[in-house]
Amino acid sequence: MLIEEGALVVIHCSSPREKLWGVLLRLDAVGAVLRGLDLNSVEDWLRQQRRGDEPLVGPSTVFIPTHRLERISLDESSGALRSYGDRFAEDGGGDVRDVLLGRDR
């Protein structure tokens, strides 16, 4: 599979080190644009979505310049390990891209 616009991805960044998860909106020679969350917040966000709680954690749109990009991985299930996107769908949430992009309203 190719990593292209609209894919659910995990982006590893340097300076400062961080990991981000979400929908890849753009990837080119300048950098990447992602609509998502810091990887440390994804579990809280999934739990919040599952329960229908008042939003305390939410997605944002970020630009990551090329010099900060270390690695981009597809959010894919592997064996018993379920991807974040698949976990959201299994909990009855549908396609997580709709929620991240605000199309669920």
PDB file of N, CA and C in Angstrom:
ATOM      1  N   MET A   1       0.842  -1.191   0.000  1.00  0.00           N
ATOM      2  CA  MET A   1       0.000   0.000   0.000  1.00  0.00           C
ATOM      3  C   MET A   1       0.881   1.246   0.000  1.00  0.00           C
ATOM      4  N   LEU A   2       0.366   2.278  -0.611  1.00  0.00           N
ATOM      5  CA  LEU A   2       1.079   3.540  -0.676  1.00  0.00           C
ATOM      6  C   LEU A   2       0.621   4.467   0.438  1.00  0.00           C
ATOM      7  N   ILE A   3       1.533   5.311   0.853  1.00  0.00           N
ATOM      8  CA  ILE A   3       1.167   6.363   1.802  1.00  0.00           C
ATOM      9  C   ILE A   3       0.798   7.576   0.963  1.00  0.00           C
ATOM     10  N   GLU A   4      -0.487   7.886   0.969  1.00  0.00           N
ATOM     11  CA  GLU A   4      -0.965   9.004   0.164  1.00  0.00           C
ATOM     12  C   GLU A   4      -1.994   9.809   0.943  1.00  0.00           C
ATOM     13  N   GLU A   5      -2.381  10.927   0.379  1.00  0.00           N
ATOM     14  CA  GLU A   5      -3.354  11.808   1.026  1.00  0.00           C
ATOM     15  C   GLU A   5      -4.616  11.035   1.374  1.00  0.00           C
ATOM     16  N   GLY A   6      -5.130  11.274   2.579  1.00  0.00           N
ATOM     17  CA  GLY A   6      -6.331  10.598   3.050  1.00  0.00           C
ATOM     18  C   GLY A   6      -6.036   9.364   3.881  1.00  0.00           C
ATOM     19  N   ALA A   7      -4.777   8.923   3.906  1.00  0.00           N
ATOM     20  CA  ALA A   7      -4.401   7.740   4.684  1.00  0.00           C
ATOM     21  C   ALA A   7      -4.304   8.087   6.166  1.00  0.00           C
ATOM     22  N   LEU A   8      -4.623   7.107   7.010  1.00  0.00           N
ATOM     23  CA  LEU A   8      -4.380   7.244   8.449  1.00  0.00           C
ATOM     24  C   LEU A   8      -2.925   6.863   8.688  1.00  0.00           C
ATOM     25  N   VAL A   9      -2.182   7.748   9.349  1.00  0.00           N
ATOM     26  CA  VAL A   9      -0.742   7.543   9.514  1.00  0.00           C
ATOM     27  C   VAL A   9      -0.282   7.893  10.931  1.00  0.00           C
ATOM     28  N   VAL A  10       0.905   7.402  11.251  1.00  0.00           N
ATOM     29  CA  VAL A  10       1.647   7.822  12.439  1.00  0.00           C
ATOM     30  C   VAL A  10       2.916   8.489  11.916  1.00  0.00           C
ATOM     31  N   ILE A  11       3.140   9.728  12.319  1.00  0.00           N
ATOM     32  CA  ILE A  11       4.315  10.480  11.887  1.00  0.00           C
ATOM     33  C   ILE A  11       5.266  10.632  13.066  1.00  0.00           C
ATOM     34  N   HIS A  12       6.516  10.250  12.856  1.00  0.00           N
ATOM     35  CA  HIS A  12       7.573  10.412  13.849  1.00  0.00           C
ATOM     36  C   HIS A  12       8.372  11.656  13.468  1.00  0.00           C
ATOM     37  N   CYS A  13       8.481  12.588  14.405  1.00  0.00           N
ATOM     38  CA  CYS A  13       9.164  13.857  14.145  1.00  0.00           C
ATOM     39  C   CYS A  13      10.379  14.012  15.060  1.00  0.00           C
ATOM     40  N   SER A  14      11.315  14.843  14.618  1.00  0.00           N
ATOM     41  CA  SER A  14      12.483  15.178  15.433  1.00  0.00           C
ATOM     42  C   SER A  14      12.475  16.669  15.744  1.00  0.00           C
ATOM     43  N   SER A  15      13.237  17.044  16.731  1.00  0.00           N
ATOM     44  CA  SER A  15      13.517  18.444  17.102  1.00  0.00           C
ATOM     45  C   SER A  15      12.285  19.320  17.229  1.00  0.00           C
ATOM     46  N   PRO A  16      11.430  19.156  18.182  1.00  0.00           N
ATOM     47  CA  PRO A  16      11.452  18.165  19.265  1.00  0.00           C
ATOM     48  C   PRO A  16      10.855  16.836  18.819  1.00  0.00           C
ATOM     49  N   ARG A  17      11.234  15.788  19.538  1.00  0.00           N
ATOM     50  CA  ARG A  17      10.741  14.452  19.234  1.00  0.00           C
ATOM     51  C   ARG A  17       9.262  14.369  19.615  1.00  0.00           C
ATOM     52  N   GLU A  18       8.459  13.925  18.680  1.00  0.00           N
ATOM     53  CA  GLU A  18       7.043  13.705  18.942  1.00  0.00           C
ATOM     54  C   GLU A  18       6.504  12.721  17.914  1.00  0.00           C
ATOM     55  N   LYS A  19       5.379  12.120  18.261  1.00  0.00           N
ATOM     56  CA  LYS A  19       4.680  11.212  17.356  1.00  0.00           C
ATOM     57  C   LYS A  19       3.253  11.702  17.238  1.00  0.00           C
ATOM     58  N   LEU A  20       2.777  11.754  16.005  1.00  0.00           N
ATOM     59  CA  LEU A  20       1.444  12.246  15.728  1.00  0.00           C
ATOM     60  C   LEU A  20       0.670  11.195  14.954  1.00  0.00           C
ATOM     61  N   TRP A  21      -0.647  11.137  15.195  1.00  0.00           N
ATOM     62  CA  TRP A  21      -1.522  10.196  14.492  1.00  0.00           C
ATOM     63  C   TRP A  21      -2.677  10.967  13.888  1.00  0.00           C
ATOM     64  N   GLY A  22      -3.082  10.585  12.676  1.00  0.00           N
ATOM     65  CA  GLY A  22      -4.247  11.202  12.074  1.00  0.00           C
ATOM     66  C   GLY A  22      -4.327  10.973  10.583  1.00  0.00           C
ATOM     67  N   VAL A  23      -5.077  11.852   9.934  1.00  0.00           N
ATOM     68  CA  VAL A  23      -5.297  11.784   8.488  1.00  0.00           C
ATOM     69  C   VAL A  23      -4.243  12.651   7.801  1.00  0.00           C
ATOM     70  N   LEU A  24      -3.526  12.056   6.862  1.00  0.00           N
ATOM     71  CA  LEU A  24      -2.544  12.793   6.082  1.00  0.00           C
ATOM     72  C   LEU A  24      -3.279  13.636   5.043  1.00  0.00           C
ATOM     73  N   LEU A  25      -3.152  14.946   5.148  1.00  0.00           N
ATOM     74  CA  LEU A  25      -3.830  15.849   4.221  1.00  0.00           C
ATOM     75  C   LEU A  25      -2.939  16.218   3.039  1.00  0.00           C
ATOM     76  N   ARG A  26      -1.633  16.286   3.280  1.00  0.00           N
ATOM     77  CA  ARG A  26      -0.699  16.637   2.212  1.00  0.00           C
ATOM     78  C   ARG A  26       0.685  16.111   2.552  1.00  0.00           C
ATOM     79  N   LEU A  27       1.404  15.660   1.548  1.00  0.00           N
ATOM     80  CA  LEU A  27       2.789  15.237   1.687  1.00  0.00           C
ATOM     81  C   LEU A  27       3.510  15.625   0.416  1.00  0.00           C
ATOM     82  N   ASP A  28       4.500  16.510   0.552  1.00  0.00           N
ATOM     83  CA  ASP A  28       5.276  16.938  -0.612  1.00  0.00           C
ATOM     84  C   ASP A  28       6.690  17.286  -0.159  1.00  0.00           C
ATOM     85  N   ALA A  29       7.466  17.903  -1.029  1.00  0.00           N
ATOM     86  CA  ALA A  29       8.860  18.213  -0.732  1.00  0.00           C
ATOM     87  C   ALA A  29       9.006  19.230   0.394  1.00  0.00           C
ATOM     88  N   VAL A  30       7.975  20.000   0.658  1.00  0.00           N
ATOM     89  CA  VAL A  30       8.024  21.021   1.705  1.00  0.00           C
ATOM     90  C   VAL A  30       7.774  20.406   3.083  1.00  0.00           C
ATOM     91  N   GLY A  31       6.905  19.387   3.150  1.00  0.00           N
ATOM     92  CA  GLY A  31       6.584  18.757   4.417  1.00  0.00           C
ATOM     93  C   GLY A  31       5.266  18.012   4.353  1.00  0.00           C
ATOM     94  N   ALA A  32       4.674  17.827   5.522  1.00  0.00           N
ATOM     95  CA  ALA A  32       3.417  17.092   5.631  1.00  0.00           C
ATOM     96  C   ALA A  32       2.406  17.921   6.412  1.00  0.00           C
ATOM     97  N   VAL A  33       1.151  17.790   6.034  1.00  0.00           N
ATOM     98  CA  VAL A  33       0.043  18.400   6.781  1.00  0.00           C
ATOM     99  C   VAL A  33      -0.820  17.253   7.285  1.00  0.00           C
ATOM    100  N   LEU A  34      -1.093  17.269   8.587  1.00  0.00           N
ATOM    101  CA  LEU A  34      -1.831  16.199   9.239  1.00  0.00           C
ATOM    102  C   LEU A  34      -2.976  16.781  10.046  1.00  0.00           C
ATOM    103  N   ARG A  35      -4.112  16.117  10.026  1.00  0.00           N
ATOM    104  CA  ARG A  35      -5.238  16.470  10.903  1.00  0.00           C
ATOM    105  C   ARG A  35      -5.350  15.337  11.903  1.00  0.00           C
ATOM    106  N   GLY A  36      -4.943  15.588  13.137  1.00  0.00           N
ATOM    107  CA  GLY A  36      -4.944  14.510  14.112  1.00  0.00           C
ATOM    108  C   GLY A  36      -4.531  14.962  15.497  1.00  0.00           C
ATOM    109  N   LEU A  37      -3.896  14.027  16.209  1.00  0.00           N
ATOM    110  CA  LEU A  37      -3.562  14.235  17.616  1.00  0.00           C
ATOM    111  C   LEU A  37      -2.149  13.745  17.908  1.00  0.00           C
ATOM    112  N   ASP A  38      -1.604  14.236  19.012  1.00  0.00           N
ATOM    113  CA  ASP A  38      -0.372  13.674  19.533  1.00  0.00           C
ATOM    114  C   ASP A  38      -0.660  12.222  19.907  1.00  0.00           C
ATOM    115  N   LEU A  39       0.252  11.326  19.592  1.00  0.00           N
ATOM    116  CA  LEU A  39       0.020   9.904  19.831  1.00  0.00           C
ATOM    117  C   LEU A  39      -0.290   9.610  21.298  1.00  0.00           C
ATOM    118  N   ASN A  40       0.255  10.404  22.210  1.00  0.00           N
ATOM    119  CA  ASN A  40      -0.008  10.206  23.639  1.00  0.00           C
ATOM    120  C   ASN A  40      -1.458  10.512  24.021  1.00  0.00           C
ATOM    121  N   SER A  41      -2.180  11.220  23.179  1.00  0.00           N
ATOM    122  CA  SER A  41      -3.568  11.604  23.473  1.00  0.00           C
ATOM    123  C   SER A  41      -4.606  10.737  22.776  1.00  0.00           C
ATOM    124  N   VAL A  42      -4.169   9.861  21.876  1.00  0.00           N
ATOM    125  CA  VAL A  42      -5.118   9.106  21.061  1.00  0.00           C
ATOM    126  C   VAL A  42      -6.014   8.201  21.909  1.00  0.00           C
ATOM    127  N   GLU A  43      -5.453   7.492  22.881  1.00  0.00           N
ATOM    128  CA  GLU A  43      -6.272   6.606  23.731  1.00  0.00           C
ATOM    129  C   GLU A  43      -7.347   7.392  24.464  1.00  0.00           C
ATOM    130  N   ASP A  44      -6.999   8.554  25.013  1.00  0.00           N
ATOM    131  CA  ASP A  44      -7.982   9.397  25.703  1.00  0.00           C
ATOM    132  C   ASP A  44      -9.058   9.870  24.730  1.00  0.00           C
ATOM    133  N   TRP A  45      -8.650  10.252  23.533  1.00  0.00           N
ATOM    134  CA  TRP A  45      -9.605  10.718  22.532  1.00  0.00           C
ATOM    135  C   TRP A  45     -10.555   9.595  22.109  1.00  0.00           C
ATOM    136  N   LEU A  46     -10.015   8.382  21.882  1.00  0.00           N
ATOM    137  CA  LEU A  46     -10.864   7.245  21.516  1.00  0.00           C
ATOM    138  C   LEU A  46     -11.878   6.942  22.613  1.00  0.00           C
ATOM    139  N   ARG A  47     -11.433   6.975  23.866  1.00  0.00           N
ATOM    140  CA  ARG A  47     -12.330   6.720  25.001  1.00  0.00           C
ATOM    141  C   ARG A  47     -13.405   7.804  25.065  1.00  0.00           C
ATOM    142  N   GLN A  48     -13.016   9.038  24.871  1.00  0.00           N
ATOM    143  CA  GLN A  48     -13.951  10.164  24.871  1.00  0.00           C
ATOM    144  C   GLN A  48     -14.993  10.002  23.763  1.00  0.00           C
ATOM    145  N   GLN A  49     -14.563   9.592  22.583  1.00  0.00           N
ATOM    146  CA  GLN A  49     -15.478   9.390  21.465  1.00  0.00           C
ATOM    147  C   GLN A  49     -16.433   8.231  21.733  1.00  0.00           C
ATOM    148  N   ARG A  50     -15.911   7.146  22.284  1.00  0.00           N
ATOM    149  CA  ARG A  50     -16.708   5.949  22.565  1.00  0.00           C
ATOM    150  C   ARG A  50     -17.820   6.279  23.551  1.00  0.00           C
ATOM    151  N   ARG A  51     -17.508   7.063  24.572  1.00  0.00           N
ATOM    152  CA  ARG A  51     -18.480   7.385  25.619  1.00  0.00           C
ATOM    153  C   ARG A  51     -19.407   8.533  25.243  1.00  0.00           C
ATOM    154  N   GLY A  52     -19.018   9.298  24.233  1.00  0.00           N
ATOM    155  CA  GLY A  52     -19.802  10.481  23.882  1.00  0.00           C
ATOM    156  C   GLY A  52     -19.609  11.604  24.873  1.00  0.00           C
ATOM    157  N   ASP A  53     -18.464  11.592  25.566  1.00  0.00           N
ATOM    158  CA  ASP A  53     -18.167  12.623  26.558  1.00  0.00           C
ATOM    159  C   ASP A  53     -17.990  13.993  25.909  1.00  0.00           C
ATOM    160  N   GLU A  54     -18.092  15.013  26.744  1.00  0.00           N
ATOM    161  CA  GLU A  54     -17.786  16.369  26.315  1.00  0.00           C
ATOM    162  C   GLU A  54     -16.334  16.400  25.842  1.00  0.00           C
ATOM    163  N   PRO A  55     -16.056  16.994  24.665  1.00  0.00           N
ATOM    164  CA  PRO A  55     -14.690  16.970  24.138  1.00  0.00           C
ATOM    165  C   PRO A  55     -13.695  17.726  25.007  1.00  0.00           C
ATOM    166  N   LEU A  56     -12.717  17.006  25.527  1.00  0.00           N
ATOM    167  CA  LEU A  56     -11.605  17.606  26.263  1.00  0.00           C
ATOM    168  C   LEU A  56     -10.340  17.557  25.416  1.00  0.00           C
ATOM    169  N   VAL A  57     -10.257  16.547  24.572  1.00  0.00           N
ATOM    170  CA  VAL A  57      -9.131  16.353  23.667  1.00  0.00           C
ATOM    171  C   VAL A  57      -9.701  16.328  22.268  1.00  0.00           C
ATOM    172  N   GLY A  58      -9.082  17.064  21.357  1.00  0.00           N
ATOM    173  CA  GLY A  58      -9.588  17.075  19.994  1.00  0.00           C
ATOM    174  C   GLY A  58      -8.484  17.204  18.976  1.00  0.00           C
ATOM    175  N   PRO A  59      -8.802  16.861  17.743  1.00  0.00           N
ATOM    176  CA  PRO A  59      -7.798  16.930  16.686  1.00  0.00           C
ATOM    177  C   PRO A  59      -7.472  18.364  16.295  1.00  0.00           C
ATOM    178  N   SER A  60      -6.286  18.541  15.751  1.00  0.00           N
ATOM    179  CA  SER A  60      -5.884  19.829  15.197  1.00  0.00           C
ATOM    180  C   SER A  60      -5.149  19.568  13.885  1.00  0.00           C
ATOM    181  N   THR A  61      -5.006  20.607  13.110  1.00  0.00           N
ATOM    182  CA  THR A  61      -4.297  20.508  11.841  1.00  0.00           C
ATOM    183  C   THR A  61      -2.905  21.082  12.033  1.00  0.00           C
ATOM    184  N   VAL A  62      -1.897  20.289  11.678  1.00  0.00           N
ATOM    185  CA  VAL A  62      -0.507  20.710  11.875  1.00  0.00           C
ATOM    186  C   VAL A  62       0.295  20.531  10.594  1.00  0.00           C
ATOM    187  N   PHE A  63       1.263  21.400  10.420  1.00  0.00           N
ATOM    188  CA  PHE A  63       2.230  21.298   9.334  1.00  0.00           C
ATOM    189  C   PHE A  63       3.556  20.864   9.945  1.00  0.00           C
ATOM    190  N   ILE A  64       4.174  19.854   9.360  1.00  0.00           N
ATOM    191  CA  ILE A  64       5.485  19.387   9.808  1.00  0.00           C
ATOM    192  C   ILE A  64       6.447  19.565   8.641  1.00  0.00           C
ATOM    193  N   PRO A  65       7.433  20.467   8.794  1.00  0.00           N
ATOM    194  CA  PRO A  65       8.387  20.663   7.700  1.00  0.00           C
ATOM    195  C   PRO A  65       9.242  19.412   7.475  1.00  0.00           C
ATOM    196  N   THR A  66       9.704  19.241   6.261  1.00  0.00           N
ATOM    197  CA  THR A  66      10.463  18.053   5.868  1.00  0.00           C
ATOM    198  C   THR A  66      11.634  17.766   6.793  1.00  0.00           C
ATOM    199  N   HIS A  67      12.345  18.800   7.236  1.00  0.00           N
ATOM    200  CA  HIS A  67      13.534  18.559   8.073  1.00  0.00           C
ATOM    201  C   HIS A  67      13.190  17.914   9.420  1.00  0.00           C
ATOM    202  N   ARG A  68      11.926  17.943   9.830  1.00  0.00           N
ATOM    203  CA  ARG A  68      11.504  17.307  11.084  1.00  0.00           C
ATOM    204  C   ARG A  68      10.987  15.891  10.879  1.00  0.00           C
ATOM    205  N   LEU A  69      10.654  15.505   9.651  1.00  0.00           N
ATOM    206  CA  LEU A  69      10.080  14.186   9.384  1.00  0.00           C
ATOM    207  C   LEU A  69      11.151  13.102   9.497  1.00  0.00           C
ATOM    208  N   GLU A  70      10.917  12.145  10.386  1.00  0.00           N
ATOM    209  CA  GLU A  70      11.807  10.995  10.508  1.00  0.00           C
ATOM    210  C   GLU A  70      11.219   9.780   9.812  1.00  0.00           C
ATOM    211  N   ARG A  71       9.915   9.557  10.055  1.00  0.00           N
ATOM    212  CA  ARG A  71       9.261   8.379   9.486  1.00  0.00           C
ATOM    213  C   ARG A  71       7.756   8.614   9.452  1.00  0.00           C
ATOM    214  N   ILE A  72       7.119   8.061   8.419  1.00  0.00           N
ATOM    215  CA  ILE A  72       5.665   8.068   8.306  1.00  0.00           C
ATOM    216  C   ILE A  72       5.244   6.626   8.096  1.00  0.00           C
ATOM    217  N   SER A  73       4.372   6.128   8.979  1.00  0.00           N
ATOM    218  CA  SER A  73       3.879   4.750   8.898  1.00  0.00           C
ATOM    219  C   SER A  73       2.374   4.758   8.738  1.00  0.00           C
ATOM    220  N   LEU A  74       1.861   3.825   7.952  1.00  0.00           N
ATOM    221  CA  LEU A  74       0.421   3.658   7.856  1.00  0.00           C
ATOM    222  C   LEU A  74      -0.127   3.116   9.174  1.00  0.00           C
ATOM    223  N   ASP A  75      -1.291   3.574   9.560  1.00  0.00           N
ATOM    224  CA  ASP A  75      -1.991   3.043  10.736  1.00  0.00           C
ATOM    225  C   ASP A  75      -2.698   1.772  10.281  1.00  0.00           C
ATOM    226  N   GLU A  76      -2.016   0.635  10.423  1.00  0.00           N
ATOM    227  CA  GLU A  76      -2.528  -0.640   9.938  1.00  0.00           C
ATOM    228  C   GLU A  76      -2.597  -1.657  11.074  1.00  0.00           C
ATOM    229  N   SER A  77      -3.621  -2.492  11.035  1.00  0.00           N
ATOM    230  CA  SER A  77      -3.699  -3.606  11.974  1.00  0.00           C
ATOM    231  C   SER A  77      -2.682  -4.664  11.569  1.00  0.00           C
ATOM    232  N   SER A  78      -2.166  -5.364  12.583  1.00  0.00           N
ATOM    233  CA  SER A  78      -1.201  -6.432  12.321  1.00  0.00           C
ATOM    234  C   SER A  78      -1.446  -7.539  13.331  1.00  0.00           C
ATOM    235  N   GLY A  79      -1.999  -8.647  12.863  1.00  0.00           N
ATOM    236  CA  GLY A  79      -2.314  -9.750  13.767  1.00  0.00           C
ATOM    237  C   GLY A  79      -3.313  -9.312  14.818  1.00  0.00           C
ATOM    238  N   ALA A  80      -2.963  -9.545  16.082  1.00  0.00           N
ATOM    239  CA  ALA A  80      -3.843  -9.194  17.195  1.00  0.00           C
ATOM    240  C   ALA A  80      -3.824  -7.699  17.512  1.00  0.00           C
ATOM    241  N   LEU A  81      -2.838  -6.977  17.003  1.00  0.00           N
ATOM    242  CA  LEU A  81      -2.749  -5.535  17.248  1.00  0.00           C
ATOM    243  C   LEU A  81      -3.630  -4.792  16.255  1.00  0.00           C
ATOM    244  N   ARG A  82      -4.644  -4.106  16.773  1.00  0.00           N
ATOM    245  CA  ARG A  82      -5.596  -3.380  15.938  1.00  0.00           C
ATOM    246  C   ARG A  82      -5.123  -1.938  15.754  1.00  0.00           C
ATOM    247  N   SER A  83      -5.276  -1.422  14.562  1.00  0.00           N
ATOM    248  CA  SER A  83      -4.942  -0.027  14.302  1.00  0.00           C
ATOM    249  C   SER A  83      -5.942   0.870  15.029  1.00  0.00           C
ATOM    250  N   TYR A  84      -5.573   2.129  15.211  1.00  0.00           N
ATOM    251  CA  TYR A  84      -6.498   3.072  15.852  1.00  0.00           C
ATOM    252  C   TYR A  84      -7.758   3.233  15.019  1.00  0.00           C
ATOM    253  N   GLY A  85      -7.597   3.309  13.706  1.00  0.00           N
ATOM    254  CA  GLY A  85      -8.753   3.444  12.824  1.00  0.00           C
ATOM    255  C   GLY A  85      -9.685   2.259  12.912  1.00  0.00           C
ATOM    256  N   ASP A  86      -9.120   1.039  12.948  1.00  0.00           N
ATOM    257  CA  ASP A  86      -9.950  -0.172  13.058  1.00  0.00           C
ATOM    258  C   ASP A  86     -10.631  -0.246  14.418  1.00  0.00           C
ATOM    259  N   ARG A  87      -9.941   0.155  15.471  1.00  0.00           N
ATOM    260  CA  ARG A  87     -10.543   0.135  16.811  1.00  0.00           C
ATOM    261  C   ARG A  87     -11.731   1.090  16.875  1.00  0.00           C
ATOM    262  N   PHE A  88     -11.584   2.263  16.263  1.00  0.00           N
ATOM    263  CA  PHE A  88     -12.682   3.226  16.238  1.00  0.00           C
ATOM    264  C   PHE A  88     -13.883   2.638  15.515  1.00  0.00           C
ATOM    265  N   ALA A  89     -13.653   2.024  14.362  1.00  0.00           N
ATOM    266  CA  ALA A  89     -14.739   1.423  13.582  1.00  0.00           C
ATOM    267  C   ALA A  89     -15.395   0.270  14.332  1.00  0.00           C
ATOM    268  N   GLU A  90     -14.606  -0.549  15.013  1.00  0.00           N
ATOM    269  CA  GLU A  90     -15.141  -1.691  15.757  1.00  0.00           C
ATOM    270  C   GLU A  90     -16.029  -1.252  16.915  1.00  0.00           C
ATOM    271  N   ASP A  91     -15.762  -0.070  17.459  1.00  0.00           N
ATOM    272  CA  ASP A  91     -16.583   0.467  18.548  1.00  0.00           C
ATOM    273  C   ASP A  91     -17.851   1.132  18.026  1.00  0.00           C
ATOM    274  N   GLY A  92     -18.102   0.984  16.737  1.00  0.00           N
ATOM    275  CA  GLY A  92     -19.326   1.536  16.154  1.00  0.00           C
ATOM    276  C   GLY A  92     -19.205   2.973  15.700  1.00  0.00           C
ATOM    277  N   GLY A  93     -17.990   3.473  15.628  1.00  0.00           N
ATOM    278  CA  GLY A  93     -17.799   4.876  15.270  1.00  0.00           C
ATOM    279  C   GLY A  93     -17.743   5.158  13.784  1.00  0.00           C
ATOM    280  N   GLY A  94     -17.708   4.121  12.945  1.00  0.00           N
ATOM    281  CA  GLY A  94     -17.607   4.332  11.500  1.00  0.00           C
ATOM    282  C   GLY A  94     -16.187   4.648  11.084  1.00  0.00           C
ATOM    283  N   ASP A  95     -16.047   5.444  10.050  1.00  0.00           N
ATOM    284  CA  ASP A  95     -14.726   5.816   9.540  1.00  0.00           C
ATOM    285  C   ASP A  95     -14.195   6.991  10.351  1.00  0.00           C
ATOM    286  N   VAL A  96     -13.095   6.781  11.033  1.00  0.00           N
ATOM    287  CA  VAL A  96     -12.531   7.800  11.912  1.00  0.00           C
ATOM    288  C   VAL A  96     -12.148   9.062  11.144  1.00  0.00           C
ATOM    289  N   ARG A  97     -11.897   8.949   9.856  1.00  0.00           N
ATOM    290  CA  ARG A  97     -11.553  10.126   9.051  1.00  0.00           C
ATOM    291  C   ARG A  97     -12.691  11.153   9.085  1.00  0.00           C
ATOM    292  N   ASP A  98     -13.935  10.664   9.074  1.00  0.00           N
ATOM    293  CA  ASP A  98     -15.080  11.577   9.112  1.00  0.00           C
ATOM    294  C   ASP A  98     -15.085  12.409  10.385  1.00  0.00           C
ATOM    295  N   VAL A  99     -14.746  11.796  11.494  1.00  0.00           N
ATOM    296  CA  VAL A  99     -14.726  12.512  12.772  1.00  0.00           C
ATOM    297  C   VAL A  99     -13.542  13.467  12.828  1.00  0.00           C
ATOM    298  N   LEU A 100     -12.357  12.984  12.430  1.00  0.00           N
ATOM    299  CA  LEU A 100     -11.171  13.845  12.457  1.00  0.00           C
ATOM    300  C   LEU A 100     -11.328  15.072  11.569  1.00  0.00           C
ATOM    301  N   LEU A 101     -11.996  14.893  10.432  1.00  0.00           N
ATOM    302  CA  LEU A 101     -12.161  15.998   9.485  1.00  0.00           C
ATOM    303  C   LEU A 101     -13.434  16.803   9.710  1.00  0.00           C
ATOM    304  N   GLY A 102     -14.208  16.439  10.757  1.00  0.00           N
ATOM    305  CA  GLY A 102     -15.414  17.190  11.091  1.00  0.00           C
ATOM    306  C   GLY A 102     -16.578  16.947  10.173  1.00  0.00           C
ATOM    307  N   ARG A 103     -16.572  15.799   9.475  1.00  0.00           N
ATOM    308  CA  ARG A 103     -17.673  15.488   8.551  1.00  0.00           C
ATOM    309  C   ARG A 103     -18.757  14.659   9.226  1.00  0.00           C
ATOM    310  N   ASP A 104     -18.665  14.466  10.521  1.00  0.00           N
ATOM    311  CA  ASP A 104     -19.628  13.611  11.243  1.00  0.00           C
ATOM    312  C   ASP A 104     -20.824  14.391  11.766  1.00  0.00           C
ATOM    313  N   ARG A 105     -20.893  15.639  11.510  1.00  0.00           N
ATOM    314  CA  ARG A 105     -21.945  16.479  12.094  1.00  0.00           C
ATOM    315  C   ARG A 105     -23.181  16.500  11.256  1.00  0.00           C
TER     316      ARG A 105
END
